[in-house]
Amino acid sequence: MLPNTGKLAGCTLFITGASRGIGKAIALKAAKDGANIVIAAKTAEPHPTLPGTIYTAAEEIEAAGGKALPCIVNVREEQQIMNAVEKAVKTFGGIDILVNNASAISLTGTLETATKTVNLMMDVNVRGTYLTSKACLPHLRKSKNPHILNLSPPMNLNPMWFKNHCAYTISKYGMSMCVLGMAEEFRGEVAVNALWPKTAIHTAAMDMLGGAGIEKQCRKTDILADAAYCILTKPKTFTGNFIIDEVLLREEGVKDFDVYAIAPGHPLLPDFFLDVEIDTTAIKQERYGAAKEEKKSSVSPQEGADGAKVKAESAAAKPSGPVAETFRVIQGAMTEEHVRSTQGVFQFELSGEGGGTWYIDLKSKGGSAGFGKPPVAADVVMSMSSADFVKMFTGEGRRPLSRDTGKLKPTLAFMSGKLRIKGNMALAIKLEKMLSQLTSKL
């Protein structure tokens, strides 16, 4: 852990989305120095499923040694931003640091992303970051060491990061483009930087996306809090940087990263937008080796554009092998309770040996699973190679994807482009949770 130095004592930080998660962690780190924290978030009343409000966060900040100003702010509403900035300046005399942390996420394809969801991501991630920066800048320019820090990624134009969730990627890169532009526009006056995690961070959003057990593959929000603290205590000449938390902390002398892990020693899930191999997970073979292998198979005479159809015809005669066995076990394990709690129909388009079209029906009475199209229209269609399907559900495979298990994590498969999902993402997560309960049988 990075020790506090006291450099933020008396500084005023305006943090969006600070009622929970990463925003609150950054606030608490600064509070230990005796900083003033403006909690600019929209949760004033307790949320039915998400922990924390602006008021409970204020209590924690005060207990940690800081001064807190909770402000109800939906960054989609410019007037709410302006009101909070005015209140912050009136209360603390100015603003020294802005952290644009508020963000919205939907990992859905172009045809599956509702217009209101596109608007939400663009409004919160891009427009909200831009407008909050605009409102704070006149006050930041009066500070001795002003900073803007956006929680956004380095811009990686690998199509893999666009094809499965184009709208989300555009919105996050919009935040990063604010860094590019404003760092140059205000060079010498205000430092503007971006911070992004090397691995997945355990937050309420990650629980929603990854399902049960995902936390073991994540780090605590503390690592981003430490990295942010390091950035915000640097001089304003440190600007225009796209910083990865672990890389920066290693440069600062941090050697023990197990302290940041939810489950020390467990393989970690890489975050979005980072192609490079990281030493905590076997991501290189996920991003490069496996991709080359799939490309090679895609030009095979048996597995070209009609590969799935060819395999479907051959499997139709006598479905057998690991894929057929996996579906046989799923069929035997499902119960009426699974059907009641899931209420979804899932179609799998698998390429490679034993591939073709398979299904799991958890909507019809009794449920069913097997080869061919589902008896009723599918709510979710998942496409991947049959080898990866087997590894995802049974852990069998020639090349283990982590040091302690051969299982391919569904979230990692999706993030790395090996699994493509069309349809109802919430139902896909429900299926993953259900199948994780059947792991012992699979």
Protein backbone atom coordinates (compact mmCIF):
# COMPACT_ATOMS: atom_id res chain seq x y z
CA MET A 1 0.00 0.00 0.00
CA LEU A 2 1.16 3.51 -0.80
CA PRO A 3 1.57 5.57 2.40
CA ASN A 4 -0.09 8.97 2.76
CA THR A 5 2.24 11.97 2.71
CA GLY A 6 -0.11 14.71 3.88
CA LYS A 7 0.25 16.60 0.58
CA LEU A 8 -3.52 16.82 0.08
CA ALA A 9 -4.18 18.43 3.48
CA GLY A 10 -6.59 21.32 3.00
CA CYS A 11 -7.11 20.57 -0.70
CA THR A 12 -10.64 20.40 -2.06
CA LEU A 13 -11.52 17.44 -4.28
CA PHE A 14 -14.69 17.39 -6.37
CA ILE A 15 -15.39 13.70 -7.09
CA THR A 16 -18.28 12.47 -9.25
CA GLY A 17 -19.78 9.12 -8.35
CA ALA A 18 -18.14 9.22 -4.91
CA SER A 19 -20.94 7.56 -2.94
CA ARG A 20 -19.46 4.08 -3.50
CA GLY A 21 -16.80 2.07 -5.29
CA ILE A 22 -13.72 3.65 -6.85
CA GLY A 23 -14.86 7.24 -6.29
CA LYS A 24 -15.37 6.68 -2.58
CA ALA A 25 -12.03 4.85 -2.25
CA ILE A 26 -10.20 7.85 -3.79
CA ALA A 27 -12.13 10.15 -1.44
CA LEU A 28 -11.19 8.13 1.65
CA LYS A 29 -7.51 8.07 0.69
CA ALA A 30 -7.47 11.87 0.36
CA ALA A 31 -9.49 12.26 3.56
CA LYS A 32 -6.65 10.66 5.54
CA ASP A 33 -4.59 13.73 4.64
CA GLY A 34 -7.34 16.01 5.91
CA ALA A 35 -8.69 16.95 2.49
CA ASN A 36 -12.10 18.45 1.75
CA ILE A 37 -14.27 16.14 -0.37
CA VAL A 38 -17.25 17.20 -2.46
CA ILE A 39 -19.29 14.02 -2.94
CA ALA A 40 -21.02 14.72 -6.26
CA ALA A 41 -23.28 11.71 -6.75
CA LYS A 42 -26.97 11.05 -7.31
CA THR A 43 -27.71 8.47 -4.60
CA ALA A 44 -29.39 10.38 -1.78
CA GLU A 45 -31.80 7.62 -0.73
CA PRO A 46 -30.63 4.02 -0.07
CA HIS A 47 -30.63 1.97 -3.27
CA PRO A 48 -32.44 -1.41 -3.12
CA THR A 49 -29.35 -3.36 -4.25
CA LEU A 50 -26.35 -0.98 -4.27
CA PRO A 51 -24.65 0.03 -1.00
CA GLY A 52 -24.06 3.60 0.12
CA THR A 53 -25.46 7.11 -0.32
CA ILE A 54 -23.80 10.51 -0.46
CA TYR A 55 -24.56 10.84 3.25
CA THR A 56 -23.09 7.50 4.38
CA ALA A 57 -20.01 8.29 2.27
CA ALA A 58 -19.77 11.68 4.02
CA GLU A 59 -19.80 9.95 7.41
CA GLU A 60 -16.92 7.67 6.34
CA ILE A 61 -14.92 10.59 4.95
CA GLU A 62 -15.33 12.57 8.16
CA ALA A 63 -14.33 9.51 10.20
CA ALA A 64 -11.19 9.13 8.06
CA GLY A 65 -10.11 12.70 8.89
CA GLY A 66 -11.52 14.74 6.02
CA LYS A 67 -14.32 17.25 5.61
CA ALA A 68 -17.26 16.20 3.45
CA LEU A 69 -19.83 18.09 1.41
CA PRO A 70 -22.50 15.72 0.03
CA CYS A 71 -24.18 17.13 -3.10
CA ILE A 72 -26.95 15.50 -5.11
CA VAL A 73 -25.50 15.50 -8.62
CA ASN A 74 -26.65 13.61 -11.69
CA VAL A 75 -23.93 14.56 -14.18
CA ARG A 76 -26.53 14.42 -16.97
CA GLU A 77 -28.04 17.59 -15.44
CA GLU A 78 -25.82 20.62 -16.06
CA GLN A 79 -27.64 22.76 -13.49
CA GLN A 80 -26.98 20.18 -10.76
CA ILE A 81 -23.28 20.26 -11.64
CA MET A 82 -23.23 24.08 -11.53
CA ASN A 83 -25.07 24.16 -8.20
CA ALA A 84 -22.61 21.70 -6.62
CA VAL A 85 -19.58 23.61 -7.91
CA GLU A 86 -21.00 26.86 -6.54
CA LYS A 87 -21.71 25.22 -3.17
CA ALA A 88 -18.20 23.71 -3.07
CA VAL A 89 -16.52 27.06 -3.70
CA LYS A 90 -18.74 28.77 -1.14
CA THR A 91 -18.02 26.08 1.49
CA PHE A 92 -14.30 25.45 0.95
CA GLY A 93 -13.14 28.56 -0.90
CA GLY A 94 -12.25 26.87 -4.17
CA ILE A 95 -11.62 23.58 -6.00
CA ASP A 96 -8.15 22.07 -6.38
CA ILE A 97 -8.87 18.67 -7.88
CA LEU A 98 -11.61 17.19 -10.06
CA VAL A 99 -12.01 13.42 -10.36
CA ASN A 100 -14.38 12.40 -13.18
CA ASN A 101 -15.31 8.95 -11.93
CA ALA A 102 -19.06 8.69 -12.65
CA SER A 103 -19.68 6.21 -15.44
CA ALA A 104 -22.39 4.08 -17.06
CA ILE A 105 -21.81 0.71 -18.71
CA SER A 106 -23.71 -1.65 -21.00
CA LEU A 107 -21.75 -4.41 -22.72
CA THR A 108 -24.19 -4.88 -25.57
CA GLY A 109 -23.84 -4.99 -29.33
CA THR A 110 -25.05 -2.28 -31.68
CA LEU A 111 -28.44 -3.86 -32.45
CA GLU A 112 -29.03 -4.88 -28.83
CA THR A 113 -28.30 -1.47 -27.26
CA ALA A 114 -31.48 0.54 -26.69
CA THR A 115 -31.34 4.21 -27.66
CA LYS A 116 -31.95 5.27 -24.05
CA THR A 117 -28.93 3.19 -23.02
CA VAL A 118 -26.76 4.80 -25.70
CA ASN A 119 -27.93 8.21 -24.47
CA LEU A 120 -27.18 7.27 -20.87
CA MET A 121 -23.58 6.23 -21.62
CA MET A 122 -22.88 9.22 -23.83
CA ASP A 123 -24.51 11.63 -21.35
CA VAL A 124 -22.77 10.29 -18.25
CA ASN A 125 -19.39 9.26 -19.61
CA VAL A 126 -18.65 11.86 -22.28
CA ARG A 127 -20.99 14.81 -21.75
CA GLY A 128 -20.92 14.55 -17.95
CA THR A 129 -17.12 14.50 -17.88
CA TYR A 130 -16.93 17.42 -20.31
CA LEU A 131 -19.49 19.59 -18.50
CA THR A 132 -18.11 18.89 -15.01
CA SER A 133 -14.61 19.77 -16.23
CA LYS A 134 -15.94 22.94 -17.85
CA ALA A 135 -17.69 23.98 -14.63
CA CYS A 136 -14.65 23.31 -12.42
CA LEU A 137 -11.90 24.73 -14.67
CA PRO A 138 -12.34 28.43 -13.81
CA HIS A 139 -11.79 27.51 -10.14
CA LEU A 140 -9.05 24.96 -10.83
CA ARG A 141 -7.03 27.62 -12.65
CA LYS A 142 -6.85 29.59 -9.39
CA SER A 143 -5.37 26.64 -7.46
CA LYS A 144 -1.65 26.24 -6.79
CA ASN A 145 -1.52 22.64 -8.02
CA PRO A 146 -4.76 21.81 -9.87
CA HIS A 147 -5.56 18.42 -11.36
CA ILE A 148 -8.29 16.79 -13.40
CA LEU A 149 -8.25 13.00 -13.31
CA ASN A 150 -10.58 10.97 -15.55
CA LEU A 151 -11.19 7.28 -14.86
CA SER A 152 -10.82 6.30 -18.51
CA PRO A 153 -8.61 4.02 -20.60
CA PRO A 154 -5.75 4.56 -23.02
CA MET A 155 -7.29 4.63 -26.50
CA ASN A 156 -6.67 1.25 -28.08
CA LEU A 157 -8.03 1.02 -31.63
CA ASN A 158 -7.89 -2.78 -31.76
CA PRO A 159 -11.33 -3.64 -33.28
CA MET A 160 -11.76 -6.30 -30.59
CA TRP A 161 -12.62 -3.54 -28.11
CA PHE A 162 -15.34 -2.15 -30.37
CA LYS A 163 -17.06 -5.15 -31.91
CA ASN A 164 -18.92 -6.42 -28.82
CA HIS A 165 -19.86 -3.13 -27.13
CA CYS A 166 -19.34 -0.29 -29.59
CA ALA A 167 -21.39 2.34 -27.73
CA TYR A 168 -19.65 1.73 -24.40
CA THR A 169 -16.21 1.89 -25.99
CA ILE A 170 -17.03 5.15 -27.78
CA SER A 171 -18.26 6.66 -24.52
CA LYS A 172 -15.17 5.69 -22.51
CA TYR A 173 -12.84 6.84 -25.26
CA GLY A 174 -14.77 10.12 -25.24
CA MET A 175 -13.60 10.62 -21.66
CA SER A 176 -10.04 9.86 -22.78
CA MET A 177 -10.33 12.37 -25.61
CA CYS A 178 -11.23 15.00 -23.01
CA VAL A 179 -7.83 14.25 -21.45
CA LEU A 180 -6.05 14.60 -24.80
CA GLY A 181 -7.69 17.91 -25.59
CA MET A 182 -7.78 19.57 -22.18
CA ALA A 183 -4.24 18.56 -21.24
CA GLU A 184 -2.98 20.58 -24.21
CA GLU A 185 -5.51 23.38 -23.86
CA PHE A 186 -4.61 24.01 -20.22
CA ARG A 187 -0.96 22.94 -20.25
CA GLY A 188 0.96 24.92 -17.63
CA GLU A 189 -2.26 25.77 -15.80
CA VAL A 190 -4.06 22.52 -14.95
CA ALA A 191 -2.79 18.94 -15.06
CA VAL A 192 -5.19 16.60 -16.90
CA ASN A 193 -4.59 12.84 -16.79
CA ALA A 194 -6.39 9.51 -17.16
CA LEU A 195 -6.18 6.51 -14.84
CA TRP A 196 -7.21 2.93 -15.68
CA PRO A 197 -6.80 -0.41 -13.88
CA LYS A 198 -4.63 -3.21 -15.19
CA THR A 199 -6.97 -5.80 -13.75
CA ALA A 200 -10.66 -5.90 -12.93
CA ILE A 201 -11.66 -3.98 -9.80
CA HIS A 202 -14.28 -5.37 -7.44
CA THR A 203 -17.24 -2.98 -7.50
CA ALA A 204 -21.02 -3.35 -7.58
CA ALA A 205 -20.84 -3.01 -11.37
CA MET A 206 -18.39 -5.90 -11.63
CA ASP A 207 -20.67 -8.07 -9.49
CA MET A 208 -23.49 -7.27 -11.90
CA LEU A 209 -21.41 -8.05 -14.99
CA GLY A 210 -19.50 -11.06 -13.75
CA GLY A 211 -21.86 -12.85 -11.41
CA ALA A 212 -21.10 -14.98 -8.38
CA GLY A 213 -17.45 -15.61 -7.58
CA ILE A 214 -16.13 -12.86 -9.86
CA GLU A 215 -14.63 -11.03 -6.87
CA LYS A 216 -11.88 -13.65 -6.55
CA GLN A 217 -10.55 -12.48 -9.93
CA CYS A 218 -10.55 -8.82 -8.90
CA ARG A 219 -8.48 -6.34 -6.95
CA LYS A 220 -9.79 -3.97 -4.31
CA THR A 221 -10.58 -0.35 -5.11
CA ASP A 222 -7.57 0.52 -2.89
CA ILE A 223 -5.15 0.06 -5.80
CA LEU A 224 -6.86 2.80 -7.84
CA ALA A 225 -7.08 5.02 -4.74
CA ASP A 226 -3.32 4.68 -4.21
CA ALA A 227 -2.56 5.33 -7.89
CA ALA A 228 -4.89 8.36 -7.96
CA TYR A 229 -3.25 9.73 -4.79
CA CYS A 230 0.15 9.39 -6.43
CA ILE A 231 -1.00 11.30 -9.53
CA LEU A 232 -2.82 14.04 -7.64
CA THR A 233 0.21 14.79 -5.46
CA LYS A 234 2.48 15.28 -8.46
CA PRO A 235 3.14 18.81 -9.83
CA LYS A 236 0.80 20.19 -12.49
CA THR A 237 3.55 19.70 -15.09
CA PHE A 238 2.64 15.99 -14.93
CA THR A 239 -0.10 16.12 -17.56
CA GLY A 240 -1.53 14.42 -20.64
CA ASN A 241 -0.75 10.91 -19.35
CA PHE A 242 -2.75 7.70 -19.67
CA ILE A 243 -1.73 5.82 -16.57
CA ILE A 244 -2.21 2.14 -15.66
CA ASP A 245 -2.48 1.71 -11.89
CA GLU A 246 -0.03 -1.17 -11.40
CA VAL A 247 2.58 0.28 -13.77
CA LEU A 248 2.63 3.59 -11.88
CA LEU A 249 2.73 1.98 -8.44
CA ARG A 250 5.64 -0.27 -9.44
CA GLU A 251 7.50 2.86 -10.54
CA GLU A 252 6.72 4.34 -7.12
CA GLY A 253 8.34 1.36 -5.41
CA VAL A 254 5.31 -0.76 -4.53
CA LYS A 255 6.29 -4.45 -4.70
CA ASP A 256 3.56 -6.33 -2.84
CA PHE A 257 0.42 -6.38 -4.98
CA ASP A 258 -1.18 -9.25 -3.08
CA VAL A 259 -2.41 -6.65 -0.56
CA TYR A 260 -4.70 -5.31 -3.28
CA ALA A 261 -6.17 -8.69 -4.22
CA ILE A 262 -9.55 -9.89 -2.97
CA ALA A 263 -8.15 -13.44 -3.06
CA PRO A 264 -4.32 -13.27 -2.97
CA GLY A 265 -2.69 -15.73 -5.36
CA HIS A 266 -5.82 -16.22 -7.44
CA PRO A 267 -5.49 -15.44 -11.18
CA LEU A 268 -6.77 -11.95 -11.98
CA LEU A 269 -9.11 -10.86 -14.72
CA PRO A 270 -7.60 -8.22 -17.03
CA ASP A 271 -9.59 -5.06 -17.54
CA PHE A 272 -10.94 -3.79 -20.84
CA PHE A 273 -8.90 -2.07 -23.54
CA LEU A 274 -5.51 -3.54 -22.58
CA ASP A 275 -3.96 -5.97 -25.08
CA VAL A 276 -0.56 -6.43 -23.51
CA GLU A 277 0.28 -9.49 -21.46
CA ILE A 278 0.13 -8.95 -17.74
CA ASP A 279 1.97 -11.03 -15.19
CA THR A 280 -1.15 -11.88 -13.17
CA THR A 281 -3.04 -13.81 -15.84
CA ALA A 282 -2.37 -15.70 -19.04
CA ILE A 283 -3.83 -12.95 -21.17
CA LYS A 284 -1.31 -13.16 -24.00
CA GLN A 285 -2.53 -16.53 -25.19
CA GLU A 286 -6.12 -15.28 -24.80
CA ARG A 287 -5.54 -12.21 -26.96
CA TYR A 288 -2.98 -13.42 -29.47
CA GLY A 289 -2.26 -17.15 -29.47
CA ALA A 290 -5.88 -18.25 -29.39
CA ALA A 291 -6.85 -15.65 -31.97
CA LYS A 292 -4.23 -16.94 -34.41
CA GLU A 293 -5.38 -20.50 -33.88
CA GLU A 294 -8.99 -19.54 -34.59
CA LYS A 295 -7.96 -17.60 -37.69
CA LYS A 296 -6.12 -20.62 -39.00
CA SER A 297 -9.13 -22.84 -38.44
CA SER A 298 -11.45 -20.34 -40.12
CA VAL A 299 -9.78 -20.88 -43.51
CA SER A 300 -9.90 -24.65 -43.26
CA PRO A 301 -12.02 -26.33 -46.00
CA GLN A 302 -14.28 -27.79 -43.32
CA GLU A 303 -14.60 -24.62 -41.26
CA GLY A 304 -14.98 -21.61 -43.50
CA ALA A 305 -18.01 -19.33 -43.43
CA ASP A 306 -20.22 -22.42 -43.41
CA GLY A 307 -18.14 -24.20 -40.80
CA ALA A 308 -20.88 -24.29 -38.19
CA LYS A 309 -23.31 -25.72 -40.78
CA VAL A 310 -20.83 -28.41 -41.85
CA LYS A 311 -20.31 -29.44 -38.26
CA ALA A 312 -24.04 -29.35 -37.58
CA GLU A 313 -24.63 -31.81 -40.42
CA SER A 314 -21.90 -34.16 -39.24
CA ALA A 315 -23.04 -33.93 -35.64
CA ALA A 316 -26.66 -34.48 -36.64
CA ALA A 317 -25.92 -38.06 -37.49
CA LYS A 318 -24.61 -38.86 -34.02
CA PRO A 319 -23.80 -36.02 -31.63
CA SER A 320 -20.95 -37.19 -29.47
CA GLY A 321 -17.80 -35.98 -27.78
CA PRO A 322 -17.18 -33.40 -25.02
CA VAL A 323 -19.79 -30.89 -26.26
CA ALA A 324 -22.56 -33.51 -26.42
CA GLU A 325 -21.53 -34.86 -23.01
CA THR A 326 -21.62 -31.35 -21.50
CA PHE A 327 -25.17 -30.78 -22.75
CA ARG A 328 -26.19 -34.25 -21.56
CA VAL A 329 -25.01 -33.41 -18.04
CA ILE A 330 -26.71 -29.99 -18.12
CA GLN A 331 -29.96 -31.69 -19.21
CA GLY A 332 -29.70 -34.16 -16.33
CA ALA A 333 -28.88 -31.49 -13.74
CA MET A 334 -31.56 -28.89 -14.51
CA THR A 335 -34.60 -28.68 -12.27
CA GLU A 336 -37.98 -26.95 -12.27
CA GLU A 337 -36.46 -24.43 -9.85
CA HIS A 338 -33.80 -23.54 -12.46
CA VAL A 339 -36.59 -23.01 -15.00
CA ARG A 340 -38.63 -20.85 -12.61
CA SER A 341 -35.68 -18.69 -11.57
CA THR A 342 -34.13 -18.25 -15.05
CA GLN A 343 -37.01 -18.06 -17.56
CA GLY A 344 -34.75 -17.90 -20.60
CA VAL A 345 -33.91 -19.82 -23.76
CA PHE A 346 -30.27 -19.96 -24.85
CA GLN A 347 -28.93 -20.91 -28.26
CA PHE A 348 -25.25 -21.78 -28.78
CA GLU A 349 -23.57 -21.49 -32.18
CA LEU A 350 -20.39 -23.49 -31.79
CA SER A 351 -17.62 -23.79 -34.38
CA GLY A 352 -15.09 -26.61 -34.52
CA GLU A 353 -15.30 -30.27 -33.50
CA GLY A 354 -18.69 -31.22 -32.10
CA GLY A 355 -20.02 -27.78 -33.01
CA GLY A 356 -23.19 -26.66 -34.67
CA THR A 357 -26.35 -25.32 -33.04
CA TRP A 358 -27.15 -26.37 -29.47
CA TYR A 359 -29.59 -25.02 -26.91
CA ILE A 360 -30.61 -24.80 -23.26
CA ASP A 361 -34.33 -24.17 -22.69
CA LEU A 362 -34.99 -22.82 -19.20
CA LYS A 363 -38.42 -21.41 -19.99
CA SER A 364 -40.58 -24.37 -21.06
CA LYS A 365 -41.96 -26.68 -18.39
CA GLY A 366 -39.29 -29.08 -17.14
CA GLY A 367 -36.57 -27.46 -19.24
CA SER A 368 -34.42 -29.19 -21.83
CA ALA A 369 -31.00 -29.06 -23.48
CA GLY A 370 -29.50 -30.63 -26.54
CA PHE A 371 -28.54 -30.48 -30.20
CA GLY A 372 -30.35 -28.32 -32.75
CA LYS A 373 -32.41 -25.19 -32.50
CA PRO A 374 -34.43 -24.59 -29.31
CA PRO A 375 -38.15 -25.48 -29.35
CA VAL A 376 -39.06 -21.79 -28.92
CA ALA A 377 -37.29 -18.58 -29.98
CA ALA A 378 -34.01 -17.95 -28.15
CA ASP A 379 -33.64 -14.98 -25.81
CA VAL A 380 -29.86 -15.15 -26.02
CA VAL A 381 -27.54 -16.43 -28.75
CA MET A 382 -23.94 -17.21 -27.77
CA SER A 383 -21.24 -17.86 -30.37
CA MET A 384 -17.84 -19.38 -29.63
CA SER A 385 -15.61 -22.32 -30.54
CA SER A 386 -16.63 -25.72 -29.23
CA ALA A 387 -13.22 -26.13 -27.56
CA ASP A 388 -13.72 -22.90 -25.61
CA PHE A 389 -17.28 -23.93 -24.73
CA VAL A 390 -16.01 -27.13 -23.17
CA LYS A 391 -13.27 -25.28 -21.31
CA MET A 392 -15.78 -22.75 -20.04
CA PHE A 393 -18.17 -25.32 -18.62
CA THR A 394 -15.93 -28.27 -17.70
CA GLY A 395 -12.42 -26.88 -17.39
CA GLU A 396 -11.04 -29.42 -19.84
CA GLY A 397 -8.60 -28.31 -22.50
CA ARG A 398 -5.06 -28.73 -23.69
CA ARG A 399 -3.96 -25.23 -22.67
CA PRO A 400 -5.03 -24.08 -19.20
CA LEU A 401 -5.88 -20.39 -19.11
CA SER A 402 -4.57 -19.81 -15.60
CA ARG A 403 -2.11 -21.29 -13.19
CA ASP A 404 -4.57 -23.22 -11.09
CA THR A 405 -7.46 -24.19 -13.35
CA GLY A 406 -8.21 -25.11 -16.93
CA LYS A 407 -11.60 -23.37 -16.82
CA LEU A 408 -12.21 -20.45 -19.14
CA LYS A 409 -14.05 -17.79 -17.17
CA PRO A 410 -17.18 -16.57 -19.01
CA THR A 411 -16.38 -12.93 -18.25
CA LEU A 412 -12.83 -13.30 -19.58
CA ALA A 413 -14.13 -15.13 -22.67
CA PHE A 414 -16.54 -12.27 -23.36
CA MET A 415 -14.04 -9.46 -22.67
CA SER A 416 -11.38 -11.06 -24.86
CA GLY A 417 -13.75 -11.57 -27.78
CA LYS A 418 -13.83 -15.39 -27.61
CA LEU A 419 -17.50 -15.36 -26.61
CA ARG A 420 -20.04 -13.23 -28.49
CA ILE A 421 -23.43 -12.65 -26.92
CA LYS A 422 -26.54 -11.37 -28.71
CA GLY A 423 -29.77 -10.73 -26.89
CA ASN A 424 -30.65 -10.31 -23.23
CA MET A 425 -27.40 -9.76 -21.30
CA ALA A 426 -29.15 -10.06 -17.92
CA LEU A 427 -30.38 -13.55 -18.87
CA ALA A 428 -26.86 -14.49 -20.00
CA ILE A 429 -25.57 -13.56 -16.54
CA LYS A 430 -28.39 -15.59 -14.95
CA LEU A 431 -27.35 -18.64 -16.99
CA GLU A 432 -23.70 -18.20 -15.98
CA LYS A 433 -24.71 -18.09 -12.31
CA MET A 434 -26.83 -21.20 -12.67
CA LEU A 435 -24.15 -23.15 -14.49
CA SER A 436 -21.56 -22.11 -11.89
CA GLN A 437 -23.73 -23.90 -9.31
CA LEU A 438 -23.49 -27.06 -11.41
CA THR A 439 -19.68 -26.96 -11.61
CA SER A 440 -19.25 -30.07 -9.49
CA LYS A 441 -21.47 -32.07 -11.84
CA LEU A 442 -19.79 -30.68 -14.97
